[in-house]
């Protein structure tokens, strides 16, 4: 197993403080501990009797290696900006520290020195422009993601200014309830297939990913009005004995009942597939709601 941190505090302070004199201040204590942790993970991966899952170890190893690589890139980049000779001066300083350190730290410091040397050889071959782009890569990616998220959110917005009983209002209402259903299906709950994705930061990350398609408050109100129209039309059909077996209102509103979602989905699908309907009168704009209800809840005809 890799060695633990020596109890000699003065030596530890010497290692972590002596080498932090460049533009980019590297946390030497933290990076040495990461190297130790990385060694422990590698040893655990080679242990056939390990109690840890191989995918968990691989994920932990990848995260630490990426973190170390990122920090060393920024540190070496700051050295190159000053003067290439500074790199070799720093390596000589690390070698001196290694020789004067406790034996338990020699191989770890040597590994860090080799990492810096390998990174320096790689980075000195790159142009200053490329290094600058890579140094700011995270900010660039973040900026692109923000632009994409905002674009998706704006494009997913649906007009709620049309009269809900007009032709365009009915079409928009159908689109909005489909949006609400899609958003609800991806919710982090026990019924959803996404519930098993993890907890904590993963849950927060999933909320962020879903944000662009989240219905606005106005869209939710519009969707509610659309559902009320469906229920109003169903009441009229029941009154005229045109549909049978339609669930009672209390049953539809029960938390464990999916009938209302099925009705809304079928009606909205039909409307969006048959947009060219007659809307010369107020009532004719509601006609597309009727066929799917007749199909779902037919009345038996006497033979």
C-alpha atoms as a PDB file:
ATOM      1  CA  UNK A   1       0.000   0.000   0.000  1.00  0.00           C
ATOM      2  CA  UNK A   2       1.088   3.609  -0.536  1.00  0.00           C
ATOM      3  CA  UNK A   3       2.629   5.453   2.381  1.00  0.00           C
ATOM      4  CA  UNK A   4       0.571   7.812   4.498  1.00  0.00           C
ATOM      5  CA  UNK A   5       1.434  11.412   5.291  1.00  0.00           C
ATOM      6  CA  UNK A   6       4.521  11.645   7.596  1.00  0.00           C
ATOM      7  CA  UNK A   7       4.058  13.128  11.028  1.00  0.00           C
ATOM      8  CA  UNK A   8       6.957  15.520  10.423  1.00  0.00           C
ATOM      9  CA  UNK A   9       4.927  18.735   9.962  1.00  0.00           C
ATOM     10  CA  UNK A  10       7.906  20.944   9.193  1.00  0.00           C
ATOM     11  CA  UNK A  11       8.849  18.732   6.250  1.00  0.00           C
ATOM     12  CA  UNK A  12       5.233  18.669   5.056  1.00  0.00           C
ATOM     13  CA  UNK A  13       4.998  22.460   5.231  1.00  0.00           C
ATOM     14  CA  UNK A  14       8.330  22.689   3.408  1.00  0.00           C
ATOM     15  CA  UNK A  15       7.064  20.501   0.547  1.00  0.00           C
ATOM     16  CA  UNK A  16       3.693  22.244   0.199  1.00  0.00           C
ATOM     17  CA  UNK A  17       4.978  25.774   0.565  1.00  0.00           C
ATOM     18  CA  UNK A  18       8.356  25.820  -1.164  1.00  0.00           C
ATOM     19  CA  UNK A  19       7.030  25.053  -4.627  1.00  0.00           C
ATOM     20  CA  UNK A  20       4.116  27.493  -4.725  1.00  0.00           C
ATOM     21  CA  UNK A  21       5.959  30.466  -6.145  1.00  0.00           C
ATOM     22  CA  UNK A  22       4.635  30.581  -9.722  1.00  0.00           C
ATOM     23  CA  UNK A  23       1.698  32.320 -11.442  1.00  0.00           C
ATOM     24  CA  UNK A  24      -0.513  29.280 -10.915  1.00  0.00           C
ATOM     25  CA  UNK A  25      -0.428  28.197  -7.266  1.00  0.00           C
ATOM     26  CA  UNK A  26      -0.601  24.431  -7.142  1.00  0.00           C
ATOM     27  CA  UNK A  27      -1.800  22.789  -3.943  1.00  0.00           C
ATOM     28  CA  UNK A  28       1.139  20.436  -3.571  1.00  0.00           C
ATOM     29  CA  UNK A  29      -0.175  18.760  -0.446  1.00  0.00           C
ATOM     30  CA  UNK A  30      -3.472  17.967  -2.147  1.00  0.00           C
ATOM     31  CA  UNK A  31      -1.889  16.681  -5.354  1.00  0.00           C
ATOM     32  CA  UNK A  32       0.531  14.413  -3.478  1.00  0.00           C
ATOM     33  CA  UNK A  33      -2.403  12.963  -1.563  1.00  0.00           C
ATOM     34  CA  UNK A  34      -4.225  12.391  -4.868  1.00  0.00           C
ATOM     35  CA  UNK A  35      -1.213  10.464  -6.164  1.00  0.00           C
ATOM     36  CA  UNK A  36      -1.326   8.325  -3.016  1.00  0.00           C
ATOM     37  CA  UNK A  37      -5.052   7.751  -3.469  1.00  0.00           C
ATOM     38  CA  UNK A  38      -4.495   6.874  -7.132  1.00  0.00           C
ATOM     39  CA  UNK A  39      -1.933   4.254  -6.134  1.00  0.00           C
ATOM     40  CA  UNK A  40      -4.353   2.748  -3.639  1.00  0.00           C
ATOM     41  CA  UNK A  41      -7.065   2.495  -6.305  1.00  0.00           C
ATOM     42  CA  UNK A  42      -4.649   0.829  -8.754  1.00  0.00           C
ATOM     43  CA  UNK A  43      -3.660  -1.689  -6.090  1.00  0.00           C
ATOM     44  CA  UNK A  44      -7.326  -2.357  -5.358  1.00  0.00           C
ATOM     45  CA  UNK A  45      -7.995  -2.887  -9.067  1.00  0.00           C
ATOM     46  CA  UNK A  46      -5.272  -5.526  -9.224  1.00  0.00           C
ATOM     47  CA  UNK A  47      -6.696  -7.283  -6.151  1.00  0.00           C
ATOM     48  CA  UNK A  48      -8.885 -10.155  -7.312  1.00  0.00           C
ATOM     49  CA  UNK A  49     -10.562 -10.314  -3.883  1.00  0.00           C
ATOM     50  CA  UNK A  50     -11.496  -6.648  -3.839  1.00  0.00           C
ATOM     51  CA  UNK A  51     -14.887  -5.870  -2.285  1.00  0.00           C
ATOM     52  CA  UNK A  52     -15.317  -2.811  -4.525  1.00  0.00           C
ATOM     53  CA  UNK A  53     -17.064  -2.939  -7.899  1.00  0.00           C
ATOM     54  CA  UNK A  54     -14.662  -2.656 -10.836  1.00  0.00           C
ATOM     55  CA  UNK A  55     -16.774   0.086 -12.466  1.00  0.00           C
ATOM     56  CA  UNK A  56     -16.693   2.143  -9.242  1.00  0.00           C
ATOM     57  CA  UNK A  57     -12.908   1.830  -9.027  1.00  0.00           C
ATOM     58  CA  UNK A  58     -12.525   2.723 -12.704  1.00  0.00           C
ATOM     59  CA  UNK A  59     -14.746   5.800 -12.274  1.00  0.00           C
ATOM     60  CA  UNK A  60     -12.819   6.944  -9.176  1.00  0.00           C
ATOM     61  CA  UNK A  61      -9.498   6.399 -10.938  1.00  0.00           C
ATOM     62  CA  UNK A  62     -10.626   8.324 -14.016  1.00  0.00           C
ATOM     63  CA  UNK A  63     -11.824  11.244 -11.910  1.00  0.00           C
ATOM     64  CA  UNK A  64      -8.555  11.520  -9.962  1.00  0.00           C
ATOM     65  CA  UNK A  65      -6.382  11.140 -13.069  1.00  0.00           C
ATOM     66  CA  UNK A  66      -8.372  13.852 -14.856  1.00  0.00           C
ATOM     67  CA  UNK A  67      -8.068  16.143 -11.833  1.00  0.00           C
ATOM     68  CA  UNK A  68      -4.317  15.642 -11.548  1.00  0.00           C
ATOM     69  CA  UNK A  69      -3.845  16.109 -15.299  1.00  0.00           C
ATOM     70  CA  UNK A  70      -5.853  19.327 -15.277  1.00  0.00           C
ATOM     71  CA  UNK A  71      -3.936  20.848 -12.342  1.00  0.00           C
ATOM     72  CA  UNK A  72      -0.541  19.880 -13.760  1.00  0.00           C
ATOM     73  CA  UNK A  73      -1.501  21.330 -17.150  1.00  0.00           C
ATOM     74  CA  UNK A  74      -2.350  24.704 -15.564  1.00  0.00           C
ATOM     75  CA  UNK A  75       0.837  24.635 -13.470  1.00  0.00           C
ATOM     76  CA  UNK A  76       3.142  23.698 -16.356  1.00  0.00           C
ATOM     77  CA  UNK A  77       1.404  26.241 -18.588  1.00  0.00           C
ATOM     78  CA  UNK A  78       2.194  28.967 -16.038  1.00  0.00           C
ATOM     79  CA  UNK A  79       5.852  27.860 -15.998  1.00  0.00           C
ATOM     80  CA  UNK A  80       6.116  27.915 -19.807  1.00  0.00           C
ATOM     81  CA  UNK A  81       4.668  31.425 -19.913  1.00  0.00           C
ATOM     82  CA  UNK A  82       7.517  32.621 -17.694  1.00  0.00           C
ATOM     83  CA  UNK A  83      10.477  30.858 -19.272  1.00  0.00           C
ATOM     84  CA  UNK A  84      11.103  27.275 -20.372  1.00  0.00           C
ATOM     85  CA  UNK A  85      14.159  27.073 -18.112  1.00  0.00           C
ATOM     86  CA  UNK A  86      11.887  27.616 -15.104  1.00  0.00           C
ATOM     87  CA  UNK A  87      10.526  24.102 -15.649  1.00  0.00           C
ATOM     88  CA  UNK A  88      13.937  22.511 -15.207  1.00  0.00           C
ATOM     89  CA  UNK A  89      14.701  24.743 -12.239  1.00  0.00           C
ATOM     90  CA  UNK A  90      11.470  23.559 -10.640  1.00  0.00           C
ATOM     91  CA  UNK A  91      12.281  19.911 -11.404  1.00  0.00           C
ATOM     92  CA  UNK A  92      15.718  20.364  -9.825  1.00  0.00           C
ATOM     93  CA  UNK A  93      14.052  21.886  -6.776  1.00  0.00           C
ATOM     94  CA  UNK A  94      11.688  18.913  -6.531  1.00  0.00           C
ATOM     95  CA  UNK A  95      14.670  16.546  -6.822  1.00  0.00           C
ATOM     96  CA  UNK A  96      16.395  18.386  -3.976  1.00  0.00           C
ATOM     97  CA  UNK A  97      13.266  18.106  -1.842  1.00  0.00           C
ATOM     98  CA  UNK A  98      13.032  14.398  -2.634  1.00  0.00           C
ATOM     99  CA  UNK A  99      16.623  13.802  -1.533  1.00  0.00           C
ATOM    100  CA  UNK A 100      16.053  15.673   1.725  1.00  0.00           C
ATOM    101  CA  UNK A 101      12.687  14.172   2.508  1.00  0.00           C
ATOM    102  CA  UNK A 102      11.647  11.193   4.599  1.00  0.00           C
ATOM    103  CA  UNK A 103      12.125   7.838   2.782  1.00  0.00           C
ATOM    104  CA  UNK A 104       8.364   7.265   2.799  1.00  0.00           C
ATOM    105  CA  UNK A 105       7.930  10.256   0.466  1.00  0.00           C
ATOM    106  CA  UNK A 106      10.795   9.736  -1.994  1.00  0.00           C
ATOM    107  CA  UNK A 107       8.990   7.554  -4.530  1.00  0.00           C
ATOM    108  CA  UNK A 108       5.825   9.672  -4.388  1.00  0.00           C
ATOM    109  CA  UNK A 109       7.742  12.900  -4.999  1.00  0.00           C
ATOM    110  CA  UNK A 110       9.673  11.173  -7.792  1.00  0.00           C
ATOM    111  CA  UNK A 111       6.377  10.178  -9.403  1.00  0.00           C
ATOM    112  CA  UNK A 112       5.139  13.777  -9.209  1.00  0.00           C
ATOM    113  CA  UNK A 113       8.383  15.031 -10.720  1.00  0.00           C
ATOM    114  CA  UNK A 114       8.039  12.587 -13.603  1.00  0.00           C
ATOM    115  CA  UNK A 115       4.431  13.670 -14.155  1.00  0.00           C
ATOM    116  CA  UNK A 116       5.500  17.319 -14.390  1.00  0.00           C
ATOM    117  CA  UNK A 117       8.367  16.416 -16.750  1.00  0.00           C
ATOM    118  CA  UNK A 118       6.082  14.399 -19.036  1.00  0.00           C
ATOM    119  CA  UNK A 119       3.498  17.168 -19.040  1.00  0.00           C
ATOM    120  CA  UNK A 120       6.181  19.799 -19.784  1.00  0.00           C
ATOM    121  CA  UNK A 121       7.520  17.780 -22.749  1.00  0.00           C
ATOM    122  CA  UNK A 122       4.014  17.500 -24.134  1.00  0.00           C
ATOM    123  CA  UNK A 123       2.976  21.123 -23.598  1.00  0.00           C
ATOM    124  CA  UNK A 124       6.164  22.767 -24.919  1.00  0.00           C
ATOM    125  CA  UNK A 125       5.364  21.234 -28.327  1.00  0.00           C
ATOM    126  CA  UNK A 126       2.073  23.131 -28.454  1.00  0.00           C
ATOM    127  CA  UNK A 127       1.604  26.697 -29.617  1.00  0.00           C
ATOM    128  CA  UNK A 128       0.740  29.393 -27.027  1.00  0.00           C
ATOM    129  CA  UNK A 129      -2.660  29.833 -28.699  1.00  0.00           C
ATOM    130  CA  UNK A 130      -3.535  26.161 -28.313  1.00  0.00           C
ATOM    131  CA  UNK A 131      -2.453  26.119 -24.659  1.00  0.00           C
ATOM    132  CA  UNK A 132      -4.563  29.203 -24.004  1.00  0.00           C
ATOM    133  CA  UNK A 133      -7.610  27.528 -25.561  1.00  0.00           C
ATOM    134  CA  UNK A 134      -7.073  24.363 -23.509  1.00  0.00           C
ATOM    135  CA  UNK A 135      -6.547  26.367 -20.318  1.00  0.00           C
ATOM    136  CA  UNK A 136      -9.946  28.003 -20.833  1.00  0.00           C
ATOM    137  CA  UNK A 137     -11.646  24.901 -22.201  1.00  0.00           C
ATOM    138  CA  UNK A 138     -13.936  24.425 -19.203  1.00  0.00           C
ATOM    139  CA  UNK A 139     -15.259  27.974 -19.469  1.00  0.00           C
ATOM    140  CA  UNK A 140     -15.762  27.533 -23.206  1.00  0.00           C
ATOM    141  CA  UNK A 141     -17.695  24.281 -22.704  1.00  0.00           C
ATOM    142  CA  UNK A 142     -19.764  25.876 -19.938  1.00  0.00           C
ATOM    143  CA  UNK A 143     -20.590  28.861 -22.152  1.00  0.00           C
ATOM    144  CA  UNK A 144     -21.658  26.571 -25.011  1.00  0.00           C
ATOM    145  CA  UNK A 145     -23.847  24.514 -22.654  1.00  0.00           C
ATOM    146  CA  UNK A 146     -25.548  27.639 -21.306  1.00  0.00           C
ATOM    147  CA  UNK A 147     -26.260  28.875 -24.852  1.00  0.00           C
ATOM    148  CA  UNK A 148     -27.619  25.441 -25.863  1.00  0.00           C
ATOM    149  CA  UNK A 149     -29.795  25.181 -22.742  1.00  0.00           C
ATOM    150  CA  UNK A 150     -31.239  28.662 -23.228  1.00  0.00           C
ATOM    151  CA  UNK A 151     -31.846  27.977 -26.933  1.00  0.00           C
ATOM    152  CA  UNK A 152     -33.675  24.709 -26.211  1.00  0.00           C
ATOM    153  CA  UNK A 153     -35.723  26.425 -23.509  1.00  0.00           C
ATOM    154  CA  UNK A 154     -36.744  29.288 -25.826  1.00  0.00           C
ATOM    155  CA  UNK A 155     -37.538  26.929 -28.714  1.00  0.00           C
ATOM    156  CA  UNK A 156     -39.679  24.744 -26.439  1.00  0.00           C
ATOM    157  CA  UNK A 157     -41.890  27.666 -25.372  1.00  0.00           C
ATOM    158  CA  UNK A 158     -45.464  27.427 -26.695  1.00  0.00           C
ATOM    159  CA  UNK A 159     -47.773  30.385 -27.329  1.00  0.00           C
ATOM    160  CA  UNK A 160     -50.353  30.782 -24.547  1.00  0.00           C
ATOM    161  CA  UNK A 161     -51.915  34.007 -25.805  1.00  0.00           C
ATOM    162  CA  UNK A 162     -54.452  32.354 -28.146  1.00  0.00           C
ATOM    163  CA  UNK A 163     -58.029  31.787 -26.995  1.00  0.00           C
ATOM    164  CA  UNK A 164     -58.054  28.202 -25.700  1.00  0.00           C
ATOM    165  CA  UNK A 165     -61.301  27.467 -27.573  1.00  0.00           C
ATOM    166  CA  UNK A 166     -59.961  28.672 -30.934  1.00  0.00           C
ATOM    167  CA  UNK A 167     -58.415  26.313 -33.465  1.00  0.00           C
ATOM    168  CA  UNK A 168     -54.864  27.466 -32.692  1.00  0.00           C
ATOM    169  CA  UNK A 169     -55.666  27.486 -28.981  1.00  0.00           C
ATOM    170  CA  UNK A 170     -56.760  23.826 -29.117  1.00  0.00           C
ATOM    171  CA  UNK A 171     -53.620  22.888 -31.087  1.00  0.00           C
ATOM    172  CA  UNK A 172     -51.365  24.778 -28.671  1.00  0.00           C
ATOM    173  CA  UNK A 173     -53.168  23.210 -25.718  1.00  0.00           C
ATOM    174  CA  UNK A 174     -52.499  19.746 -27.172  1.00  0.00           C
ATOM    175  CA  UNK A 175     -48.815  20.589 -27.620  1.00  0.00           C
ATOM    176  CA  UNK A 176     -48.512  21.911 -24.082  1.00  0.00           C
ATOM    177  CA  UNK A 177     -50.111  18.873 -22.399  1.00  0.00           C
ATOM    178  CA  UNK A 178     -47.741  16.664 -24.422  1.00  0.00           C
ATOM    179  CA  UNK A 179     -44.868  18.776 -23.114  1.00  0.00           C
ATOM    180  CA  UNK A 180     -46.131  18.431 -19.529  1.00  0.00           C
ATOM    181  CA  UNK A 181     -46.498  14.661 -19.899  1.00  0.00           C
ATOM    182  CA  UNK A 182     -42.972  14.338 -21.332  1.00  0.00           C
ATOM    183  CA  UNK A 183     -41.522  16.447 -18.523  1.00  0.00           C
ATOM    184  CA  UNK A 184     -43.408  14.460 -15.897  1.00  0.00           C
ATOM    185  CA  UNK A 185     -42.185  11.150 -17.340  1.00  0.00           C
ATOM    186  CA  UNK A 186     -38.564  12.199 -16.802  1.00  0.00           C
ATOM    187  CA  UNK A 187     -39.201  13.235 -13.191  1.00  0.00           C
ATOM    188  CA  UNK A 188     -37.010  11.723 -10.473  1.00  0.00           C
ATOM    189  CA  UNK A 189     -39.522   9.494  -8.723  1.00  0.00           C
ATOM    190  CA  UNK A 190     -40.013   5.829  -7.871  1.00  0.00           C
ATOM    191  CA  UNK A 191     -42.257   5.218 -10.874  1.00  0.00           C
ATOM    192  CA  UNK A 192     -39.718   6.638 -13.277  1.00  0.00           C
ATOM    193  CA  UNK A 193     -36.917   4.618 -14.847  1.00  0.00           C
ATOM    194  CA  UNK A 194     -34.658   7.566 -14.032  1.00  0.00           C
ATOM    195  CA  UNK A 195     -35.094   7.021 -10.273  1.00  0.00           C
ATOM    196  CA  UNK A 196     -32.191   4.590 -10.225  1.00  0.00           C
ATOM    197  CA  UNK A 197     -29.688   7.055 -11.684  1.00  0.00           C
ATOM    198  CA  UNK A 198     -28.248   8.055  -8.301  1.00  0.00           C
ATOM    199  CA  UNK A 199     -28.720  10.603  -5.566  1.00  0.00           C
ATOM    200  CA  UNK A 200     -27.349  13.939  -4.367  1.00  0.00           C
ATOM    201  CA  UNK A 201     -25.438  15.770  -7.073  1.00  0.00           C
ATOM    202  CA  UNK A 202     -26.780  13.373  -9.704  1.00  0.00           C
ATOM    203  CA  UNK A 203     -30.338  14.329  -8.751  1.00  0.00           C
ATOM    204  CA  UNK A 204     -29.459  18.026  -8.979  1.00  0.00           C
ATOM    205  CA  UNK A 205     -27.723  17.465 -12.313  1.00  0.00           C
ATOM    206  CA  UNK A 206     -30.789  15.687 -13.669  1.00  0.00           C
ATOM    207  CA  UNK A 207     -32.964  18.655 -12.659  1.00  0.00           C
ATOM    208  CA  UNK A 208     -30.604  20.985 -14.531  1.00  0.00           C
ATOM    209  CA  UNK A 209     -30.701  18.770 -17.645  1.00  0.00           C
ATOM    210  CA  UNK A 210     -34.515  18.763 -17.571  1.00  0.00           C
ATOM    211  CA  UNK A 211     -34.821  22.532 -17.063  1.00  0.00           C
ATOM    212  CA  UNK A 212     -34.949  23.526 -20.781  1.00  0.00           C
ATOM    213  CA  UNK A 213     -38.152  21.507 -21.316  1.00  0.00           C
ATOM    214  CA  UNK A 214     -39.789  22.502 -18.019  1.00  0.00           C
ATOM    215  CA  UNK A 215     -43.252  23.996 -18.685  1.00  0.00           C
ATOM    216  CA  UNK A 216     -43.661  27.622 -17.620  1.00  0.00           C
ATOM    217  CA  UNK A 217     -46.349  28.705 -15.142  1.00  0.00           C
ATOM    218  CA  UNK A 218     -48.450  30.115 -18.012  1.00  0.00           C
ATOM    219  CA  UNK A 219     -48.137  26.863 -19.921  1.00  0.00           C
ATOM    220  CA  UNK A 220     -49.290  24.910 -16.855  1.00  0.00           C
ATOM    221  CA  UNK A 221     -52.379  27.146 -16.550  1.00  0.00           C
ATOM    222  CA  UNK A 222     -53.062  26.740 -20.285  1.00  0.00           C
ATOM    223  CA  UNK A 223     -52.710  22.960 -19.958  1.00  0.00           C
ATOM    224  CA  UNK A 224     -55.181  23.003 -17.072  1.00  0.00           C
ATOM    225  CA  UNK A 225     -57.699  24.914 -19.212  1.00  0.00           C
ATOM    226  CA  UNK A 226     -57.205  22.409 -22.041  1.00  0.00           C
ATOM    227  CA  UNK A 227     -57.905  19.490 -19.687  1.00  0.00           C
ATOM    228  CA  UNK A 228     -61.045  21.249 -18.404  1.00  0.00           C
ATOM    229  CA  UNK A 229     -62.283  21.529 -21.999  1.00  0.00           C
ATOM    230  CA  UNK A 230     -61.745  17.785 -22.524  1.00  0.00           C
ATOM    231  CA  UNK A 231     -63.682  17.030 -19.340  1.00  0.00           C
ATOM    232  CA  UNK A 232     -66.431  19.477 -20.398  1.00  0.00           C
ATOM    233  CA  UNK A 233     -66.798  17.787 -23.780  1.00  0.00           C
ATOM    234  CA  UNK A 234     -66.846  14.366 -22.089  1.00  0.00           C
ATOM    235  CA  UNK A 235     -69.648  15.552 -19.762  1.00  0.00           C
ATOM    236  CA  UNK A 236     -71.711  16.613 -22.788  1.00  0.00           C
ATOM    237  CA  UNK A 237     -71.110  13.256 -24.503  1.00  0.00           C
ATOM    238  CA  UNK A 238     -72.106  11.372 -21.345  1.00  0.00           C
ATOM    239  CA  UNK A 239     -75.267  13.461 -21.024  1.00  0.00           C
ATOM    240  CA  UNK A 240     -76.272  12.524 -24.585  1.00  0.00           C
ATOM    241  CA  UNK A 241     -75.324   8.849 -24.001  1.00  0.00           C
ATOM    242  CA  UNK A 242     -72.666   8.971 -26.686  1.00  0.00           C
ATOM    243  CA  UNK A 243     -69.890   7.558 -24.496  1.00  0.00           C
ATOM    244  CA  UNK A 244     -70.138   5.003 -21.704  1.00  0.00           C
ATOM    245  CA  UNK A 245     -67.899   3.918 -18.847  1.00  0.00           C
ATOM    246  CA  UNK A 246     -66.110   7.250 -18.606  1.00  0.00           C
ATOM    247  CA  UNK A 247     -64.393   7.381 -15.165  1.00  0.00           C
ATOM    248  CA  UNK A 248     -65.964   9.510 -12.424  1.00  0.00           C
ATOM    249  CA  UNK A 249     -64.238  12.834 -11.740  1.00  0.00           C
ATOM    250  CA  UNK A 250     -63.054  11.689  -8.272  1.00  0.00           C
ATOM    251  CA  UNK A 251     -61.518   8.584  -9.837  1.00  0.00           C
ATOM    252  CA  UNK A 252     -59.708  10.607 -12.490  1.00  0.00           C
ATOM    253  CA  UNK A 253     -58.182  12.924  -9.882  1.00  0.00           C
ATOM    254  CA  UNK A 254     -56.845  10.074  -7.686  1.00  0.00           C
ATOM    255  CA  UNK A 255     -53.043  10.031  -7.429  1.00  0.00           C
ATOM    256  CA  UNK A 256     -52.780   6.346  -8.310  1.00  0.00           C
ATOM    257  CA  UNK A 257     -55.006   6.599 -11.389  1.00  0.00           C
ATOM    258  CA  UNK A 258     -53.498   6.967 -14.874  1.00  0.00           C
ATOM    259  CA  UNK A 259     -56.799   7.188 -16.792  1.00  0.00           C
ATOM    260  CA  UNK A 260     -56.699  10.983 -17.069  1.00  0.00           C
ATOM    261  CA  UNK A 261     -53.176  10.893 -18.547  1.00  0.00           C
ATOM    262  CA  UNK A 262     -54.280   8.253 -21.081  1.00  0.00           C
ATOM    263  CA  UNK A 263     -57.305  10.361 -22.083  1.00  0.00           C
ATOM    264  CA  UNK A 264     -55.239  13.547 -22.438  1.00  0.00           C
ATOM    265  CA  UNK A 265     -52.547  11.706 -24.409  1.00  0.00           C
ATOM    266  CA  UNK A 266     -55.053  10.118 -26.826  1.00  0.00           C
ATOM    267  CA  UNK A 267     -56.975  13.367 -27.398  1.00  0.00           C
ATOM    268  CA  UNK A 268     -53.836  15.501 -27.863  1.00  0.00           C
ATOM    269  CA  UNK A 269     -52.316  12.910 -30.228  1.00  0.00           C
ATOM    270  CA  UNK A 270     -55.477  12.958 -32.351  1.00  0.00           C
ATOM    271  CA  UNK A 271     -55.561  16.768 -32.485  1.00  0.00           C
ATOM    272  CA  UNK A 272     -51.895  17.069 -33.486  1.00  0.00           C
ATOM    273  CA  UNK A 273     -52.374  14.432 -36.189  1.00  0.00           C
ATOM    274  CA  UNK A 274     -55.490  16.156 -37.561  1.00  0.00           C
ATOM    275  CA  UNK A 275     -54.688  19.868 -37.475  1.00  0.00           C
ATOM    276  CA  UNK A 276     -56.707  20.748 -40.598  1.00  0.00           C
ATOM    277  CA  UNK A 277     -60.126  20.717 -38.927  1.00  0.00           C
ATOM    278  CA  UNK A 278     -63.078  23.054 -39.450  1.00  0.00           C
ATOM    279  CA  UNK A 279     -63.090  26.013 -37.077  1.00  0.00           C
ATOM    280  CA  UNK A 280     -65.716  28.235 -38.687  1.00  0.00           C
ATOM    281  CA  UNK A 281     -67.627  28.316 -35.405  1.00  0.00           C
ATOM    282  CA  UNK A 282     -66.530  28.271 -31.787  1.00  0.00           C
ATOM    283  CA  UNK A 283     -67.957  24.803 -31.196  1.00  0.00           C
ATOM    284  CA  UNK A 284     -66.463  23.296 -34.363  1.00  0.00           C
ATOM    285  CA  UNK A 285     -62.968  24.036 -33.036  1.00  0.00           C
ATOM    286  CA  UNK A 286     -63.733  21.545 -30.250  1.00  0.00           C
ATOM    287  CA  UNK A 287     -64.815  18.730 -32.601  1.00  0.00           C
ATOM    288  CA  UNK A 288     -61.379  17.006 -32.722  1.00  0.00           C
ATOM    289  CA  UNK A 289     -61.772  16.205 -29.020  1.00  0.00           C
ATOM    290  CA  UNK A 290     -64.821  13.984 -29.680  1.00  0.00           C
ATOM    291  CA  UNK A 291     -63.513  11.083 -31.894  1.00  0.00           C
ATOM    292  CA  UNK A 292     -60.844   9.808 -29.480  1.00  0.00           C
ATOM    293  CA  UNK A 293     -63.368   9.877 -26.594  1.00  0.00           C
ATOM    294  CA  UNK A 294     -65.876   7.906 -28.680  1.00  0.00           C
ATOM    295  CA  UNK A 295     -63.150   5.391 -29.453  1.00  0.00           C
ATOM    296  CA  UNK A 296     -62.049   4.995 -25.843  1.00  0.00           C
ATOM    297  CA  UNK A 297     -65.489   4.787 -24.245  1.00  0.00           C
ATOM    298  CA  UNK A 298     -67.965   3.358 -26.801  1.00  0.00           C
ATOM    299  CA  UNK A 299     -71.517   2.490 -25.810  1.00  0.00           C
ATOM    300  CA  UNK A 300     -72.795  -0.987 -26.615  1.00  0.00           C
ATOM    301  CA  UNK A 301     -75.489  -0.957 -29.257  1.00  0.00           C
ATOM    302  CA  UNK A 302     -78.479  -3.194 -28.900  1.00  0.00           C
ATOM    303  CA  UNK A 303     -78.440  -5.985 -31.424  1.00  0.00           C
END
